[in-house]
Every structure is written in C-alpha cells, then in structure tokens.
C-alpha cells in the first residue's frame, strides 16, 4: 500500500507541475497492489482506485469552507488555496488550506486571532518568538475537524507583510 501511495503522490505532483489547467489528461498506473486512475481537468486532479477516490484542487476557499474567520482586509495570496478530498469505504476526509496576506503587523493579527479563537474546543496557543522572529500559531477542534492558524512574516514577494495560513482537516472516524 505504501508503494502505491508513493506512486500516486509522485503522479499527482507531476500533473500539478506540468498540466494543471491545461485541459484534460488521464493516466492509469498498474502495480502489484492494484491500479490507480489519475486524471486532471481544469486544475483539479482526481485519483481513483478500487479502494476509494481523492481529488485535489486549487479552488478558491472561503471563510465558510475553512470554518475560521479571515482577518479583516487580508487578501488571498496568489495560488494561496487548495483542497484535498478523499472517500473510501470507511468514510470521507477533507483537508483545505489557504494563505492570506495583510499589511498589518504580526502582533496585531496574532491578537485578533487570539481574541476570536481562544474560546474554541481544545484551543492551543503555540505563538512564539524564535531567533528574534515572532509567529502566531493557534490550534483548535470543532467536532472531528482540526483547525490551525499560523501567522508569520512574509518573505520574497511578501516581504514586509504578514502571512496568515489557515488549514482545516476532517478525518474519517
């Protein structure tokens, strides 16, 4: 199973790097453990096997999708969102993530999220300063969905700005 998973992940990255958004492509991979169909259309990669299916897309993710408030005035980063959905006989798993950019300071954004999230189930504040660099990190749970908000200093094209990465993942029971 690990070998099949490694092959599927490799194919996924190849499709995302070489063909995302370029029409429709389909490949079938056969191994000792079975076959997996990998297809791409309009930026969405789908994987299907006899054990289940998964899809990965770069669709725009909303505050409602994430279940976490988006900092006021923050803009989604270029190529800043993705979602992964999988379904097997055991149930469905969903993971989504988005990155936002703001001109406000790490301290302002961290305090805003702390005030909004601190009452959530299993809330953890893992904010820290390491090597003189501040970061905010909050984790909490809603039902069987784990959520994380990470606040860091921007680099490269976002230098001087604050990045907010929000992720939400639901696992099958």
Protein backbone atom coordinates (compact mmCIF):
# COMPACT_ATOMS: atom_id res chain seq x y z
CA UNK A 1 0.00 0.00 0.00
CA UNK A 2 2.86 2.41 0.78
CA UNK A 3 4.39 1.79 -2.62
CA UNK A 4 1.09 2.51 -4.36
CA UNK A 5 0.66 5.66 -2.27
CA UNK A 6 4.15 6.87 -3.17
CA UNK A 7 3.46 6.35 -6.87
CA UNK A 8 0.15 8.19 -6.65
CA UNK A 9 1.74 11.14 -4.82
CA UNK A 10 4.52 11.28 -7.42
CA UNK A 11 2.00 11.29 -10.27
CA UNK A 12 -0.03 13.93 -8.52
CA UNK A 13 2.92 16.31 -8.36
CA UNK A 14 3.78 15.66 -12.00
CA UNK A 15 0.22 16.50 -13.03
CA UNK A 16 0.18 19.66 -10.90
CA UNK A 17 3.55 20.85 -12.18
CA UNK A 18 3.12 20.03 -15.85
CA UNK A 19 -0.51 20.15 -16.66
CA UNK A 20 -2.73 21.96 -14.17
CA UNK A 21 -5.39 23.87 -16.02
CA UNK A 22 -4.31 22.68 -19.47
CA UNK A 23 -7.40 20.76 -20.48
CA UNK A 24 -7.96 17.13 -19.58
CA UNK A 25 -5.45 14.32 -19.12
CA UNK A 26 -5.77 10.78 -17.80
CA UNK A 27 -3.22 8.14 -16.82
CA UNK A 28 -3.73 4.66 -15.37
CA UNK A 29 -0.97 3.22 -13.19
CA UNK A 30 -0.89 -0.53 -12.54
CA UNK A 31 1.13 -2.09 -9.73
CA UNK A 32 1.13 -5.37 -7.79
CA UNK A 33 -1.28 -3.73 -5.36
CA UNK A 34 -3.83 -2.67 -7.98
CA UNK A 35 -4.44 0.16 -10.38
CA UNK A 36 -4.99 3.86 -9.91
CA UNK A 37 -6.51 6.21 -12.45
CA UNK A 38 -5.13 9.75 -12.28
CA UNK A 39 -6.91 12.46 -14.24
CA UNK A 40 -6.60 16.22 -14.49
CA UNK A 41 -9.10 18.73 -15.76
CA UNK A 42 -9.31 22.48 -15.18
CA UNK A 43 -6.77 22.44 -12.34
CA UNK A 44 -8.37 19.55 -10.44
CA UNK A 45 -6.52 16.25 -10.11
CA UNK A 46 -8.59 13.14 -9.38
CA UNK A 47 -7.30 9.77 -8.24
CA UNK A 48 -9.48 6.67 -8.32
CA UNK A 49 -8.78 3.09 -7.28
CA UNK A 50 -10.81 0.12 -6.14
CA UNK A 51 -10.21 1.28 -2.54
CA UNK A 52 -11.55 4.80 -2.96
CA UNK A 53 -11.05 8.13 -4.64
CA UNK A 54 -9.48 11.50 -3.95
CA UNK A 55 -9.46 14.91 -5.59
CA UNK A 56 -7.10 17.82 -5.24
CA UNK A 57 -7.98 21.28 -6.47
CA UNK A 58 -6.88 24.88 -6.26
CA UNK A 59 -10.42 26.19 -5.97
CA UNK A 60 -10.99 29.40 -4.05
CA UNK A 61 -11.66 28.57 -0.41
CA UNK A 62 -13.97 30.76 1.64
CA UNK A 63 -14.25 31.61 5.33
CA UNK A 64 -17.30 29.36 5.45
CA UNK A 65 -15.33 26.44 3.93
CA UNK A 66 -12.50 26.86 6.45
CA UNK A 67 -14.74 27.46 9.45
CA UNK A 68 -12.22 30.05 10.64
CA UNK A 69 -12.62 33.83 10.39
CA UNK A 70 -10.43 35.54 7.81
CA UNK A 71 -8.58 38.58 9.13
CA UNK A 72 -10.31 41.81 8.02
CA UNK A 73 -8.74 43.27 4.89
CA UNK A 74 -6.47 40.27 4.28
CA UNK A 75 -6.18 39.22 0.64
CA UNK A 76 -5.73 35.68 -0.56
CA UNK A 77 -2.18 35.01 -1.69
CA UNK A 78 -1.57 34.13 -5.35
CA UNK A 79 -2.06 30.34 -5.64
CA UNK A 80 -2.91 30.55 -1.95
CA UNK A 81 -5.57 27.86 -1.57
CA UNK A 82 -6.05 24.15 -2.16
CA UNK A 83 -8.32 21.37 -1.03
CA UNK A 84 -7.97 17.60 -0.86
CA UNK A 85 -10.99 15.34 -0.56
CA UNK A 86 -10.86 11.56 -0.28
CA UNK A 87 -13.52 8.91 0.03
CA UNK A 88 -13.11 5.25 0.97
CA UNK A 89 -15.40 2.58 2.34
CA UNK A 90 -14.56 3.98 5.81
CA UNK A 91 -15.84 7.48 5.04
CA UNK A 92 -14.69 10.84 3.75
CA UNK A 93 -11.72 13.04 4.66
CA UNK A 94 -11.36 16.68 3.71
CA UNK A 95 -8.30 18.92 4.06
CA UNK A 96 -8.21 22.51 2.91
CA UNK A 97 -5.74 25.31 3.33
CA UNK A 98 -5.47 28.94 2.32
CA UNK A 99 -2.86 31.65 2.76
CA UNK A 100 -3.74 35.31 3.14
CA UNK A 101 -1.63 38.49 3.16
CA UNK A 102 -2.08 41.69 5.16
CA UNK A 103 -0.12 44.89 5.75
CA UNK A 104 -0.88 44.73 9.49
CA UNK A 105 1.79 43.56 11.95
CA UNK A 106 2.20 40.03 13.26
CA UNK A 107 1.30 41.32 16.74
CA UNK A 108 -1.98 42.88 15.55
CA UNK A 109 -3.01 39.79 13.59
CA UNK A 110 -1.99 37.41 16.39
CA UNK A 111 -4.01 39.34 18.98
CA UNK A 112 -7.03 39.46 16.67
CA UNK A 113 -6.98 35.68 16.16
CA UNK A 114 -6.33 35.04 19.85
CA UNK A 115 -9.46 37.05 20.74
CA UNK A 116 -11.57 35.26 18.11
CA UNK A 117 -10.41 31.67 18.76
CA UNK A 118 -9.49 31.39 22.44
CA UNK A 119 -12.91 30.03 23.45
CA UNK A 120 -12.84 27.17 20.92
CA UNK A 121 -12.77 23.47 21.90
CA UNK A 122 -9.23 22.20 22.65
CA UNK A 123 -7.77 25.66 21.91
CA UNK A 124 -3.97 25.82 21.99
CA UNK A 125 -1.88 28.97 21.65
CA UNK A 126 1.57 27.99 20.35
CA UNK A 127 2.68 31.51 19.47
CA UNK A 128 6.38 32.12 19.98
CA UNK A 129 9.48 34.16 19.25
CA UNK A 130 12.44 32.18 17.94
CA UNK A 131 15.69 33.84 16.94
CA UNK A 132 14.01 37.22 17.24
CA UNK A 133 11.24 36.24 14.79
CA UNK A 134 7.68 36.32 16.07
CA UNK A 135 4.98 33.95 14.92
CA UNK A 136 1.44 33.23 15.96
CA UNK A 137 0.01 29.73 15.94
CA UNK A 138 -3.37 28.59 17.13
CA UNK A 139 -4.95 25.17 17.01
CA UNK A 140 -8.44 24.08 17.96
CA UNK A 141 -11.06 21.50 17.16
CA UNK A 142 -14.68 21.59 16.01
CA UNK A 143 -16.20 18.11 16.16
CA UNK A 144 -13.84 15.84 14.22
CA UNK A 145 -12.26 18.75 12.37
CA UNK A 146 -8.85 20.10 13.44
CA UNK A 147 -8.08 23.70 12.52
CA UNK A 148 -4.81 25.62 12.56
CA UNK A 149 -3.98 29.30 12.06
CA UNK A 150 -0.34 30.28 11.58
CA UNK A 151 0.82 33.90 11.39
CA UNK A 152 4.34 34.65 10.10
CA UNK A 153 6.41 37.37 8.49
CA UNK A 154 6.23 37.39 4.71
CA UNK A 155 9.28 36.68 2.57
CA UNK A 156 10.24 37.25 -1.06
CA UNK A 157 7.26 38.84 -2.83
CA UNK A 158 5.51 39.32 0.55
CA UNK A 159 8.47 40.84 2.40
CA UNK A 160 7.31 43.42 4.95
CA UNK A 161 3.82 41.92 5.09
CA UNK A 162 2.19 39.35 7.37
CA UNK A 163 1.10 35.93 6.11
CA UNK A 164 -1.86 34.10 7.61
CA UNK A 165 -2.12 30.39 6.81
CA UNK A 166 -5.35 28.65 7.75
CA UNK A 167 -5.91 24.91 7.48
CA UNK A 168 -8.83 22.67 8.28
CA UNK A 169 -8.79 18.89 8.22
CA UNK A 170 -11.52 16.35 8.85
CA UNK A 171 -10.62 12.70 9.16
CA UNK A 172 -12.85 9.69 8.90
CA UNK A 173 -13.79 8.23 12.29
